[in-house]
């Protein structure tokens, strides 16, 4: 399974480099955006799932979500994305590889295995029992797996991004065509 992990990690890093060349955004930025998405999905799921339950259960889930949101604002959301990116750039400029490549290998392999092994049983549960929660569970497992692979990649040096340059050039051409001559 280590070979599969290494292959997927190298493929993810290649895709992250292409993404960075096109957009100017790093894998760190993308991972944090996907983390934000998973947090939103979790809160929407909690709200939707417990909406029809008893008032006591809804209040308990509401208090838990509020405490969780407070903890997130004090930890994950406190440091801006740019600080994470600068740390990654500094590490890469010194010639050091991402320590998560090795350190998080067992966790990545566990989530990759979960992603592969749970696909069929969760789809079976959804198709036979119409349990919509199974799709959300699988989506969150898959999203966590992708985030772990993204965080283990090394970014390229900072670059503006081809799409951004193309859009800037397009805007400049439009502006110059509007000027009276």
Foldseek 3Di string as FASTA:
>chain_A
DVVVLVVVLVVLQVVQQVVCQAALDGLLVVLLVLVVVLLVLVVVCLCVVCVPPDPVVNVVSVVVNVVVVVVCCVPVVVDDSVVVLVVLLVCVVVVHAQPLSPPCVVVLVVLVCCLVPCPVVLVVCCVPVVPPVSVSVSVSSVSVSSSSSSNRHRYDHGDRRPNNVVVVVVVVVVVVVPDDD
